[in-house]
C-alpha atoms as a PDB file:
ATOM      1  CA  UNK A   1      -8.454 -35.698  -6.493  1.00  0.00           C
ATOM      2  CA  UNK A   2     -10.796 -37.909  -4.467  1.00  0.00           C
ATOM      3  CA  UNK A   3      -8.465 -37.606  -1.469  1.00  0.00           C
ATOM      4  CA  UNK A   4      -8.550 -33.806  -1.750  1.00  0.00           C
ATOM      5  CA  UNK A   5     -12.358 -33.825  -1.762  1.00  0.00           C
ATOM      6  CA  UNK A   6     -12.420 -36.026   1.348  1.00  0.00           C
ATOM      7  CA  UNK A   7     -10.084 -33.646   3.189  1.00  0.00           C
ATOM      8  CA  UNK A   8     -12.170 -30.643   2.140  1.00  0.00           C
ATOM      9  CA  UNK A   9     -15.384 -32.358   3.231  1.00  0.00           C
ATOM     10  CA  UNK A  10     -13.939 -33.137   6.657  1.00  0.00           C
ATOM     11  CA  UNK A  11     -12.608 -29.595   7.057  1.00  0.00           C
ATOM     12  CA  UNK A  12     -16.111 -28.144   6.673  1.00  0.00           C
ATOM     13  CA  UNK A  13     -17.063 -29.815   9.978  1.00  0.00           C
ATOM     14  CA  UNK A  14     -14.226 -28.177  11.927  1.00  0.00           C
ATOM     15  CA  UNK A  15     -15.134 -24.892  13.688  1.00  0.00           C
ATOM     16  CA  UNK A  16     -14.033 -21.859  11.680  1.00  0.00           C
ATOM     17  CA  UNK A  17     -12.272 -20.312  14.684  1.00  0.00           C
ATOM     18  CA  UNK A  18     -10.145 -23.445  15.118  1.00  0.00           C
ATOM     19  CA  UNK A  19      -9.279 -23.586  11.417  1.00  0.00           C
ATOM     20  CA  UNK A  20      -8.241 -19.936  11.465  1.00  0.00           C
ATOM     21  CA  UNK A  21      -5.964 -20.648  14.417  1.00  0.00           C
ATOM     22  CA  UNK A  22      -4.316 -23.568  12.621  1.00  0.00           C
ATOM     23  CA  UNK A  23      -3.743 -21.576   9.428  1.00  0.00           C
ATOM     24  CA  UNK A  24      -2.562 -18.359  11.065  1.00  0.00           C
ATOM     25  CA  UNK A  25      -0.044 -20.186  13.235  1.00  0.00           C
ATOM     26  CA  UNK A  26       1.520 -22.263  10.478  1.00  0.00           C
ATOM     27  CA  UNK A  27       0.097 -25.568  11.692  1.00  0.00           C
ATOM     28  CA  UNK A  28      -1.110 -26.651   8.259  1.00  0.00           C
ATOM     29  CA  UNK A  29       2.177 -26.641   6.353  1.00  0.00           C
ATOM     30  CA  UNK A  30       1.645 -30.287   5.447  1.00  0.00           C
ATOM     31  CA  UNK A  31      -1.396 -29.502   3.295  1.00  0.00           C
ATOM     32  CA  UNK A  32      -0.912 -29.182  -0.484  1.00  0.00           C
ATOM     33  CA  UNK A  33      -1.495 -25.674  -1.836  1.00  0.00           C
ATOM     34  CA  UNK A  34      -4.757 -26.546  -3.579  1.00  0.00           C
ATOM     35  CA  UNK A  35      -6.272 -28.119  -0.473  1.00  0.00           C
ATOM     36  CA  UNK A  36      -5.056 -25.346   1.826  1.00  0.00           C
ATOM     37  CA  UNK A  37      -6.309 -22.543  -0.427  1.00  0.00           C
ATOM     38  CA  UNK A  38      -9.689 -24.193  -0.963  1.00  0.00           C
ATOM     39  CA  UNK A  39     -10.249 -24.476   2.780  1.00  0.00           C
ATOM     40  CA  UNK A  40      -9.127 -20.884   3.355  1.00  0.00           C
ATOM     41  CA  UNK A  41     -11.337 -19.655   0.521  1.00  0.00           C
ATOM     42  CA  UNK A  42     -14.296 -21.505   2.000  1.00  0.00           C
ATOM     43  CA  UNK A  43     -13.660 -19.846   5.370  1.00  0.00           C
ATOM     44  CA  UNK A  44     -13.107 -16.343   3.989  1.00  0.00           C
ATOM     45  CA  UNK A  45     -15.499 -16.308   1.024  1.00  0.00           C
ATOM     46  CA  UNK A  46     -18.060 -18.968   1.921  1.00  0.00           C
ATOM     47  CA  UNK A  47     -17.467 -21.029  -1.241  1.00  0.00           C
ATOM     48  CA  UNK A  48     -14.986 -23.355  -2.885  1.00  0.00           C
ATOM     49  CA  UNK A  49     -12.653 -22.133  -5.633  1.00  0.00           C
ATOM     50  CA  UNK A  50     -13.743 -22.893  -9.178  1.00  0.00           C
ATOM     51  CA  UNK A  51     -10.359 -23.568 -10.774  1.00  0.00           C
ATOM     52  CA  UNK A  52     -11.913 -24.731 -14.044  1.00  0.00           C
ATOM     53  CA  UNK A  53     -13.801 -21.489 -14.667  1.00  0.00           C
ATOM     54  CA  UNK A  54     -12.661 -18.850 -12.171  1.00  0.00           C
ATOM     55  CA  UNK A  55     -14.619 -15.623 -12.575  1.00  0.00           C
ATOM     56  CA  UNK A  56     -14.189 -13.270  -9.644  1.00  0.00           C
ATOM     57  CA  UNK A  57     -11.032 -11.308  -8.842  1.00  0.00           C
ATOM     58  CA  UNK A  58     -10.409 -13.432  -5.744  1.00  0.00           C
ATOM     59  CA  UNK A  59     -10.904 -16.730  -7.577  1.00  0.00           C
ATOM     60  CA  UNK A  60      -8.501 -15.717 -10.313  1.00  0.00           C
ATOM     61  CA  UNK A  61      -5.932 -14.586  -7.725  1.00  0.00           C
ATOM     62  CA  UNK A  62      -6.073 -18.102  -6.224  1.00  0.00           C
ATOM     63  CA  UNK A  63      -5.697 -19.582  -9.712  1.00  0.00           C
ATOM     64  CA  UNK A  64      -2.647 -17.399 -10.343  1.00  0.00           C
ATOM     65  CA  UNK A  65      -1.104 -18.423  -7.015  1.00  0.00           C
ATOM     66  CA  UNK A  66      -1.376 -22.073  -7.999  1.00  0.00           C
ATOM     67  CA  UNK A  67      -0.685 -21.877 -11.728  1.00  0.00           C
ATOM     68  CA  UNK A  68       1.370 -18.788 -12.627  1.00  0.00           C
ATOM     69  CA  UNK A  69       4.965 -19.588 -11.602  1.00  0.00           C
ATOM     70  CA  UNK A  70       7.072 -16.944 -13.322  1.00  0.00           C
ATOM     71  CA  UNK A  71      10.559 -17.097 -11.689  1.00  0.00           C
ATOM     72  CA  UNK A  72      10.903 -13.297 -12.099  1.00  0.00           C
ATOM     73  CA  UNK A  73       8.284 -12.756  -9.397  1.00  0.00           C
ATOM     74  CA  UNK A  74      10.719 -13.672  -6.612  1.00  0.00           C
ATOM     75  CA  UNK A  75      12.801 -10.600  -7.315  1.00  0.00           C
ATOM     76  CA  UNK A  76       9.786  -8.327  -7.727  1.00  0.00           C
ATOM     77  CA  UNK A  77       8.330  -9.054  -4.257  1.00  0.00           C
ATOM     78  CA  UNK A  78      11.754  -8.788  -2.593  1.00  0.00           C
ATOM     79  CA  UNK A  79      11.811  -5.298  -1.061  1.00  0.00           C
ATOM     80  CA  UNK A  80      15.530  -5.052  -1.801  1.00  0.00           C
ATOM     81  CA  UNK A  81      15.685  -6.958  -5.086  1.00  0.00           C
ATOM     82  CA  UNK A  82      12.804  -4.990  -6.629  1.00  0.00           C
ATOM     83  CA  UNK A  83      14.842  -1.805  -6.493  1.00  0.00           C
ATOM     84  CA  UNK A  84      16.831  -2.949  -9.545  1.00  0.00           C
ATOM     85  CA  UNK A  85      13.617  -3.541 -11.509  1.00  0.00           C
ATOM     86  CA  UNK A  86      12.328  -0.082 -10.587  1.00  0.00           C
ATOM     87  CA  UNK A  87      15.644   1.514 -11.514  1.00  0.00           C
ATOM     88  CA  UNK A  88      15.701  -0.172 -14.922  1.00  0.00           C
ATOM     89  CA  UNK A  89      11.992   0.231 -15.722  1.00  0.00           C
ATOM     90  CA  UNK A  90      10.976   3.714 -14.553  1.00  0.00           C
ATOM     91  CA  UNK A  91      14.114   5.221 -13.045  1.00  0.00           C
ATOM     92  CA  UNK A  92      16.157   5.402  -9.845  1.00  0.00           C
ATOM     93  CA  UNK A  93      14.633   8.780  -8.946  1.00  0.00           C
ATOM     94  CA  UNK A  94      11.448   7.035  -7.797  1.00  0.00           C
ATOM     95  CA  UNK A  95      13.197   4.969  -5.134  1.00  0.00           C
ATOM     96  CA  UNK A  96      13.118   5.956  -1.456  1.00  0.00           C
ATOM     97  CA  UNK A  97      16.773   6.527  -0.435  1.00  0.00           C
ATOM     98  CA  UNK A  98      18.371   3.360   0.954  1.00  0.00           C
ATOM     99  CA  UNK A  99      20.353   3.671   4.195  1.00  0.00           C
ATOM    100  CA  UNK A 100      21.635   0.118   4.495  1.00  0.00           C
ATOM    101  CA  UNK A 101      21.018  -3.598   3.965  1.00  0.00           C
ATOM    102  CA  UNK A 102      21.950  -6.440   6.347  1.00  0.00           C
ATOM    103  CA  UNK A 103      21.564 -10.196   6.646  1.00  0.00           C
ATOM    104  CA  UNK A 104      20.865 -10.145  10.384  1.00  0.00           C
ATOM    105  CA  UNK A 105      19.863  -7.696  13.104  1.00  0.00           C
ATOM    106  CA  UNK A 106      23.208  -7.804  14.932  1.00  0.00           C
ATOM    107  CA  UNK A 107      24.948  -6.459  11.829  1.00  0.00           C
ATOM    108  CA  UNK A 108      23.068  -3.139  12.015  1.00  0.00           C
ATOM    109  CA  UNK A 109      25.186  -0.248  13.274  1.00  0.00           C
ATOM    110  CA  UNK A 110      22.497   2.064  14.650  1.00  0.00           C
ATOM    111  CA  UNK A 111      25.094   4.750  15.325  1.00  0.00           C
ATOM    112  CA  UNK A 112      25.345   5.301  11.571  1.00  0.00           C
ATOM    113  CA  UNK A 113      21.587   5.656  11.087  1.00  0.00           C
ATOM    114  CA  UNK A 114      19.840   9.050  11.319  1.00  0.00           C
ATOM    115  CA  UNK A 115      17.422   9.972  14.122  1.00  0.00           C
ATOM    116  CA  UNK A 116      14.479   8.916  11.950  1.00  0.00           C
ATOM    117  CA  UNK A 117      14.394   5.901   9.642  1.00  0.00           C
ATOM    118  CA  UNK A 118      12.348   2.849   8.623  1.00  0.00           C
ATOM    119  CA  UNK A 119      13.473  -0.770   8.992  1.00  0.00           C
ATOM    120  CA  UNK A 120      11.912  -3.411   6.753  1.00  0.00           C
ATOM    121  CA  UNK A 121      12.288  -7.148   6.405  1.00  0.00           C
ATOM    122  CA  UNK A 122      12.611  -7.746   2.682  1.00  0.00           C
ATOM    123  CA  UNK A 123      10.836 -11.107   2.427  1.00  0.00           C
ATOM    124  CA  UNK A 124       7.488 -10.696   4.169  1.00  0.00           C
ATOM    125  CA  UNK A 125       4.571  -8.381   4.922  1.00  0.00           C
ATOM    126  CA  UNK A 126       4.320  -6.621   8.275  1.00  0.00           C
ATOM    127  CA  UNK A 127       7.987  -6.733   9.242  1.00  0.00           C
ATOM    128  CA  UNK A 128       8.269  -2.944   9.346  1.00  0.00           C
ATOM    129  CA  UNK A 129       9.549  -0.720  12.153  1.00  0.00           C
ATOM    130  CA  UNK A 130       9.128   3.062  11.914  1.00  0.00           C
ATOM    131  CA  UNK A 131      11.616   4.996  14.034  1.00  0.00           C
ATOM    132  CA  UNK A 132      10.687   8.614  14.714  1.00  0.00           C
ATOM    133  CA  UNK A 133      13.163   9.110  17.558  1.00  0.00           C
ATOM    134  CA  UNK A 134      16.258   6.922  17.790  1.00  0.00           C
ATOM    135  CA  UNK A 135      16.788   7.808  21.456  1.00  0.00           C
ATOM    136  CA  UNK A 136      13.561   5.997  22.356  1.00  0.00           C
ATOM    137  CA  UNK A 137      14.373   2.671  20.711  1.00  0.00           C
ATOM    138  CA  UNK A 138      13.973  -0.385  22.922  1.00  0.00           C
ATOM    139  CA  UNK A 139      16.680  -2.447  21.216  1.00  0.00           C
ATOM    140  CA  UNK A 140      15.827  -5.691  22.997  1.00  0.00           C
ATOM    141  CA  UNK A 141      12.191  -5.455  21.902  1.00  0.00           C
ATOM    142  CA  UNK A 142      13.129  -4.323  18.396  1.00  0.00           C
ATOM    143  CA  UNK A 143      15.550  -7.235  17.973  1.00  0.00           C
ATOM    144  CA  UNK A 144      12.865  -9.678  19.091  1.00  0.00           C
ATOM    145  CA  UNK A 145      10.384  -8.160  16.631  1.00  0.00           C
ATOM    146  CA  UNK A 146      12.776  -8.202  13.666  1.00  0.00           C
ATOM    147  CA  UNK A 147      14.117 -11.679  14.396  1.00  0.00           C
ATOM    148  CA  UNK A 148      10.588 -13.049  14.654  1.00  0.00           C
ATOM    149  CA  UNK A 149       9.861 -11.765  11.168  1.00  0.00           C
ATOM    150  CA  UNK A 150      13.230 -12.913   9.815  1.00  0.00           C
ATOM    151  CA  UNK A 151      12.339 -16.480  10.806  1.00  0.00           C
ATOM    152  CA  UNK A 152       8.887 -16.259   9.263  1.00  0.00           C
ATOM    153  CA  UNK A 153       8.197 -17.702   5.833  1.00  0.00           C
ATOM    154  CA  UNK A 154       5.334 -15.580   4.517  1.00  0.00           C
ATOM    155  CA  UNK A 155       4.468 -18.246   1.942  1.00  0.00           C
ATOM    156  CA  UNK A 156       2.738 -20.493   4.440  1.00  0.00           C
ATOM    157  CA  UNK A 157      -0.013 -18.090   5.532  1.00  0.00           C
ATOM    158  CA  UNK A 158      -1.570 -17.488   2.104  1.00  0.00           C
ATOM    159  CA  UNK A 159       0.441 -19.885  -0.083  1.00  0.00           C
ATOM    160  CA  UNK A 160       1.766 -16.967  -2.100  1.00  0.00           C
ATOM    161  CA  UNK A 161       4.515 -19.104  -3.590  1.00  0.00           C
ATOM    162  CA  UNK A 162       6.605 -16.120  -4.729  1.00  0.00           C
ATOM    163  CA  UNK A 163       7.662 -15.482  -1.122  1.00  0.00           C
ATOM    164  CA  UNK A 164       8.782 -19.033  -0.379  1.00  0.00           C
ATOM    165  CA  UNK A 165      12.387 -18.663  -1.530  1.00  0.00           C
ATOM    166  CA  UNK A 166      12.988 -14.934  -1.040  1.00  0.00           C
ATOM    167  CA  UNK A 167      16.173 -14.394   0.961  1.00  0.00           C
ATOM    168  CA  UNK A 168      15.409 -12.754   4.349  1.00  0.00           C
ATOM    169  CA  UNK A 169      17.256  -9.456   4.729  1.00  0.00           C
ATOM    170  CA  UNK A 170      16.799  -6.168   6.555  1.00  0.00           C
ATOM    171  CA  UNK A 171      16.892  -2.783   4.877  1.00  0.00           C
ATOM    172  CA  UNK A 172      16.755   0.731   6.276  1.00  0.00           C
ATOM    173  CA  UNK A 173      15.123   3.477   4.261  1.00  0.00           C
ATOM    174  CA  UNK A 174      14.824   7.202   4.759  1.00  0.00           C
ATOM    175  CA  UNK A 175      11.902   8.212   6.993  1.00  0.00           C
ATOM    176  CA  UNK A 176       9.240  10.073   5.045  1.00  0.00           C
ATOM    177  CA  UNK A 177       5.787  11.564   5.719  1.00  0.00           C
ATOM    178  CA  UNK A 178       3.284  13.337   3.504  1.00  0.00           C
ATOM    179  CA  UNK A 179       1.370  16.557   4.120  1.00  0.00           C
ATOM    180  CA  UNK A 180      -0.433  14.956   7.094  1.00  0.00           C
ATOM    181  CA  UNK A 181       2.919  14.874   8.948  1.00  0.00           C
ATOM    182  CA  UNK A 182       1.689  11.643  10.554  1.00  0.00           C
ATOM    183  CA  UNK A 183       1.741   8.906   7.925  1.00  0.00           C
ATOM    184  CA  UNK A 184       2.226   8.208   4.251  1.00  0.00           C
ATOM    185  CA  UNK A 185      -0.888   7.749   2.160  1.00  0.00           C
ATOM    186  CA  UNK A 186      -0.080   5.117  -0.386  1.00  0.00           C
ATOM    187  CA  UNK A 187      -1.812   5.117  -3.733  1.00  0.00           C
ATOM    188  CA  UNK A 188      -2.403   1.481  -4.651  1.00  0.00           C
ATOM    189  CA  UNK A 189      -3.124   1.192  -8.351  1.00  0.00           C
ATOM    190  CA  UNK A 190      -4.781  -1.973  -9.664  1.00  0.00           C
ATOM    191  CA  UNK A 191      -3.516  -2.575 -13.195  1.00  0.00           C
ATOM    192  CA  UNK A 192      -4.087  -5.350 -15.704  1.00  0.00           C
ATOM    193  CA  UNK A 193      -1.468  -5.932 -18.399  1.00  0.00           C
ATOM    194  CA  UNK A 194      -0.337  -2.328 -18.322  1.00  0.00           C
ATOM    195  CA  UNK A 195      -3.812  -0.775 -18.057  1.00  0.00           C
ATOM    196  CA  UNK A 196      -4.618   0.977 -14.747  1.00  0.00           C
ATOM    197  CA  UNK A 197      -8.209   0.403 -13.599  1.00  0.00           C
ATOM    198  CA  UNK A 198      -8.699   1.604 -10.032  1.00  0.00           C
ATOM    199  CA  UNK A 199      -6.868   3.379  -7.221  1.00  0.00           C
ATOM    200  CA  UNK A 200      -7.120   2.444  -3.560  1.00  0.00           C
ATOM    201  CA  UNK A 201      -6.104   4.876  -0.826  1.00  0.00           C
ATOM    202  CA  UNK A 202      -5.724   3.608   2.752  1.00  0.00           C
ATOM    203  CA  UNK A 203      -5.819   6.073   5.642  1.00  0.00           C
ATOM    204  CA  UNK A 204      -6.142   6.213   9.439  1.00  0.00           C
ATOM    205  CA  UNK A 205      -4.382   2.844   9.575  1.00  0.00           C
ATOM    206  CA  UNK A 206      -3.129   3.504  13.099  1.00  0.00           C
ATOM    207  CA  UNK A 207      -6.571   4.653  14.340  1.00  0.00           C
ATOM    208  CA  UNK A 208      -9.441   3.005  12.445  1.00  0.00           C
ATOM    209  CA  UNK A 209      -8.310   1.596   9.142  1.00  0.00           C
ATOM    210  CA  UNK A 210     -10.366   2.880   6.209  1.00  0.00           C
ATOM    211  CA  UNK A 211      -9.882   2.896   2.464  1.00  0.00           C
ATOM    212  CA  UNK A 212     -11.454   4.812  -0.378  1.00  0.00           C
ATOM    213  CA  UNK A 213     -11.591   3.659  -3.981  1.00  0.00           C
ATOM    214  CA  UNK A 214     -11.301   5.915  -7.026  1.00  0.00           C
ATOM    215  CA  UNK A 215     -11.476   5.599 -10.800  1.00  0.00           C
ATOM    216  CA  UNK A 216      -8.468   6.621 -12.862  1.00  0.00           C
ATOM    217  CA  UNK A 217     -10.281   9.959 -13.331  1.00  0.00           C
ATOM    218  CA  UNK A 218     -10.370  10.327  -9.532  1.00  0.00           C
ATOM    219  CA  UNK A 219     -14.099   9.768  -9.195  1.00  0.00           C
ATOM    220  CA  UNK A 220     -15.125   8.272  -5.850  1.00  0.00           C
ATOM    221  CA  UNK A 221     -16.334   4.655  -6.115  1.00  0.00           C
ATOM    222  CA  UNK A 222     -19.093   3.800  -3.583  1.00  0.00           C
ATOM    223  CA  UNK A 223     -17.716   0.347  -2.845  1.00  0.00           C
ATOM    224  CA  UNK A 224     -15.599  -1.452  -0.259  1.00  0.00           C
ATOM    225  CA  UNK A 225     -12.765  -3.938  -0.299  1.00  0.00           C
ATOM    226  CA  UNK A 226     -12.525  -5.400   3.212  1.00  0.00           C
ATOM    227  CA  UNK A 227     -12.257  -2.060   5.080  1.00  0.00           C
ATOM    228  CA  UNK A 228     -14.900   0.690   5.515  1.00  0.00           C
ATOM    229  CA  UNK A 229     -15.074   3.553   3.057  1.00  0.00           C
ATOM    230  CA  UNK A 230     -16.110   7.124   3.815  1.00  0.00           C
ATOM    231  CA  UNK A 231     -17.505   9.332   1.060  1.00  0.00           C
ATOM    232  CA  UNK A 232     -17.277  12.330   3.391  1.00  0.00           C
ATOM    233  CA  UNK A 233     -13.534  11.886   3.788  1.00  0.00           C
ATOM    234  CA  UNK A 234     -12.233  13.995   0.947  1.00  0.00           C
ATOM    235  CA  UNK A 235      -8.892  12.930  -0.468  1.00  0.00           C
ATOM    236  CA  UNK A 236      -7.757  15.530  -2.997  1.00  0.00           C
ATOM    237  CA  UNK A 237      -6.834  14.354  -6.452  1.00  0.00           C
ATOM    238  CA  UNK A 238      -3.036  14.055  -6.468  1.00  0.00           C
ATOM    239  CA  UNK A 239      -1.369  16.561  -8.748  1.00  0.00           C
ATOM    240  CA  UNK A 240       0.834  13.783 -10.064  1.00  0.00           C
ATOM    241  CA  UNK A 241      -2.085  11.426 -10.905  1.00  0.00           C
ATOM    242  CA  UNK A 242      -1.276  11.195 -14.620  1.00  0.00           C
ATOM    243  CA  UNK A 243       2.326  10.326 -13.846  1.00  0.00           C
ATOM    244  CA  UNK A 244       1.235   7.733 -11.263  1.00  0.00           C
ATOM    245  CA  UNK A 245      -0.955   6.026 -13.845  1.00  0.00           C
ATOM    246  CA  UNK A 246       1.776   6.140 -16.455  1.00  0.00           C
ATOM    247  CA  UNK A 247       4.290   4.557 -14.090  1.00  0.00           C
ATOM    248  CA  UNK A 248       1.826   1.858 -13.054  1.00  0.00           C
ATOM    249  CA  UNK A 249       1.187   1.026 -16.688  1.00  0.00           C
ATOM    250  CA  UNK A 250       4.894   0.619 -17.400  1.00  0.00           C
ATOM    251  CA  UNK A 251       5.526  -1.566 -14.343  1.00  0.00           C
ATOM    252  CA  UNK A 252       2.490  -3.816 -14.879  1.00  0.00           C
ATOM    253  CA  UNK A 253       2.814  -4.377 -18.622  1.00  0.00           C
ATOM    254  CA  UNK A 254       2.828  -8.094 -19.446  1.00  0.00           C
ATOM    255  CA  UNK A 255       1.385  -9.206 -16.103  1.00  0.00           C
ATOM    256  CA  UNK A 256      -2.174 -10.516 -15.780  1.00  0.00           C
ATOM    257  CA  UNK A 257      -2.541  -8.380 -12.663  1.00  0.00           C
ATOM    258  CA  UNK A 258      -0.190  -6.233 -10.653  1.00  0.00           C
ATOM    259  CA  UNK A 259      -0.914  -3.730  -7.908  1.00  0.00           C
ATOM    260  CA  UNK A 260       1.633  -0.935  -7.893  1.00  0.00           C
ATOM    261  CA  UNK A 261       1.969   1.224  -4.777  1.00  0.00           C
ATOM    262  CA  UNK A 262       3.327   4.758  -4.688  1.00  0.00           C
ATOM    263  CA  UNK A 263       3.650   7.722  -2.337  1.00  0.00           C
ATOM    264  CA  UNK A 264       3.324  11.378  -3.294  1.00  0.00           C
ATOM    265  CA  UNK A 265       5.403  13.747  -1.169  1.00  0.00           C
ATOM    266  CA  UNK A 266       5.565  17.445  -1.988  1.00  0.00           C
ATOM    267  CA  UNK A 267       4.712  16.716  -5.594  1.00  0.00           C
ATOM    268  CA  UNK A 268       7.369  14.008  -5.939  1.00  0.00           C
ATOM    269  CA  UNK A 269       6.528  10.333  -6.501  1.00  0.00           C
ATOM    270  CA  UNK A 270       8.191   7.490  -4.602  1.00  0.00           C
ATOM    271  CA  UNK A 271       7.751   3.772  -5.231  1.00  0.00           C
ATOM    272  CA  UNK A 272       6.287   1.632  -2.445  1.00  0.00           C
ATOM    273  CA  UNK A 273       5.971  -2.002  -3.510  1.00  0.00           C
ATOM    274  CA  UNK A 274       4.568  -4.437  -6.068  1.00  0.00           C
ATOM    275  CA  UNK A 275       1.794  -6.865  -5.136  1.00  0.00           C
ATOM    276  CA  UNK A 276       0.662  -9.778  -7.269  1.00  0.00           C
ATOM    277  CA  UNK A 277      -2.018 -11.078  -4.905  1.00  0.00           C
ATOM    278  CA  UNK A 278      -3.975  -8.250  -3.293  1.00  0.00           C
ATOM    279  CA  UNK A 279      -5.220  -9.372   0.129  1.00  0.00           C
ATOM    280  CA  UNK A 280      -3.971 -12.830  -0.822  1.00  0.00           C
ATOM    281  CA  UNK A 281      -7.233 -13.122  -2.752  1.00  0.00           C
ATOM    282  CA  UNK A 282      -9.329 -13.347   0.417  1.00  0.00           C
ATOM    283  CA  UNK A 283     -10.657  -9.816   0.969  1.00  0.00           C
ATOM    284  CA  UNK A 284     -14.397  -9.250   0.634  1.00  0.00           C
ATOM    285  CA  UNK A 285     -15.818  -6.964  -2.056  1.00  0.00           C
ATOM    286  CA  UNK A 286     -18.978  -4.973  -1.482  1.00  0.00           C
ATOM    287  CA  UNK A 287     -20.833  -4.941  -3.760  1.00  0.00           C
ATOM    288  CA  UNK A 288     -19.703  -8.316  -5.100  1.00  0.00           C
ATOM    289  CA  UNK A 289     -20.144  -7.022  -8.644  1.00  0.00           C
ATOM    290  CA  UNK A 290     -16.910  -5.034  -8.293  1.00  0.00           C
ATOM    291  CA  UNK A 291     -15.025  -8.267  -7.646  1.00  0.00           C
ATOM    292  CA  UNK A 292     -16.460  -9.814 -10.806  1.00  0.00           C
ATOM    293  CA  UNK A 293     -15.783  -6.680 -12.851  1.00  0.00           C
ATOM    294  CA  UNK A 294     -12.146  -6.775 -11.773  1.00  0.00           C
ATOM    295  CA  UNK A 295     -12.025 -10.516 -12.365  1.00  0.00           C
ATOM    296  CA  UNK A 296     -13.089  -9.946 -15.981  1.00  0.00           C
ATOM    297  CA  UNK A 297      -9.982  -7.820 -16.467  1.00  0.00           C
ATOM    298  CA  UNK A 298      -7.565 -10.608 -15.460  1.00  0.00           C
ATOM    299  CA  UNK A 299      -6.449 -12.401 -18.620  1.00  0.00           C
ATOM    300  CA  UNK A 300      -5.235 -15.799 -17.426  1.00  0.00           C
ATOM    301  CA  UNK A 301      -3.653 -16.423 -20.838  1.00  0.00           C
ATOM    302  CA  UNK A 302      -0.887 -14.055 -19.699  1.00  0.00           C
ATOM    303  CA  UNK A 303       0.123 -16.488 -16.955  1.00  0.00           C
ATOM    304  CA  UNK A 304       3.608 -17.978 -17.132  1.00  0.00           C
ATOM    305  CA  UNK A 305       3.065 -21.529 -18.381  1.00  0.00           C
ATOM    306  CA  UNK A 306      -0.372 -23.195 -18.196  1.00  0.00           C
ATOM    307  CA  UNK A 307      -0.857 -22.456 -21.887  1.00  0.00           C
ATOM    308  CA  UNK A 308      -0.003 -18.792 -21.453  1.00  0.00           C
ATOM    309  CA  UNK A 309       3.227 -16.929 -22.122  1.00  0.00           C
ATOM    310  CA  UNK A 310       6.558 -18.567 -21.265  1.00  0.00           C
END
């Protein structure tokens, strides 16, 4: 432990910009998870992680990354593997139609794909390509983009261990938009052991990313998590809100924390993804009290091992 403290003490003297560059470009793979996450937390949150008595949402997310090692999680963050869990837990009707799955880009037969579709790498975050017109695809650029993500191990950026051994694959899903005809608003529901607490809605992501927060009764919450909020931007209460909350409760039951993402299209619900570590536990809460309120709802005794469930 003394060695860890020495490393952390030295890191505090390195310019933040330089540290960010090292971390974001995978140049700190040699650091143990606890050291790496402490340095990152210091940069992002301005404090060290209290692993003995974590209190805030972000602190407990770091604790879960380092301590909660349930082998089931690998399947649940795999964008292809999770489909079986969704099918068995809430039903196949909530899945976006699958158009294909491949191990490498060169295996994709684009002639068989429709004019509009979405490509996703199954093992990371950000490896998504939205095709609205197949005739305009720059295949050389697309291949470079997909292959770059296929080689990336998402684990190293935030030490979210569940991604470390997920098999890289590519899937194509049906292209879908909501009533905006521009994007899909995803309803991100923060749940704790089967109890939904708050709903986050991101919008204008391709213009000026904003997000609004709502209670489970669809009351606007005057607070921010990382991105600006706008009380004047009215997002109507989804007609399927009760069903969304019910589905989130079923999917998150037994987990200390799980964010469940859904889309609502013409009154029909579609599953998006499951997230165990929102923002990798680094996003800023304003006011900070919201982060502590959400932290109180994370029961670490539900962790796999570490004295919790097994």
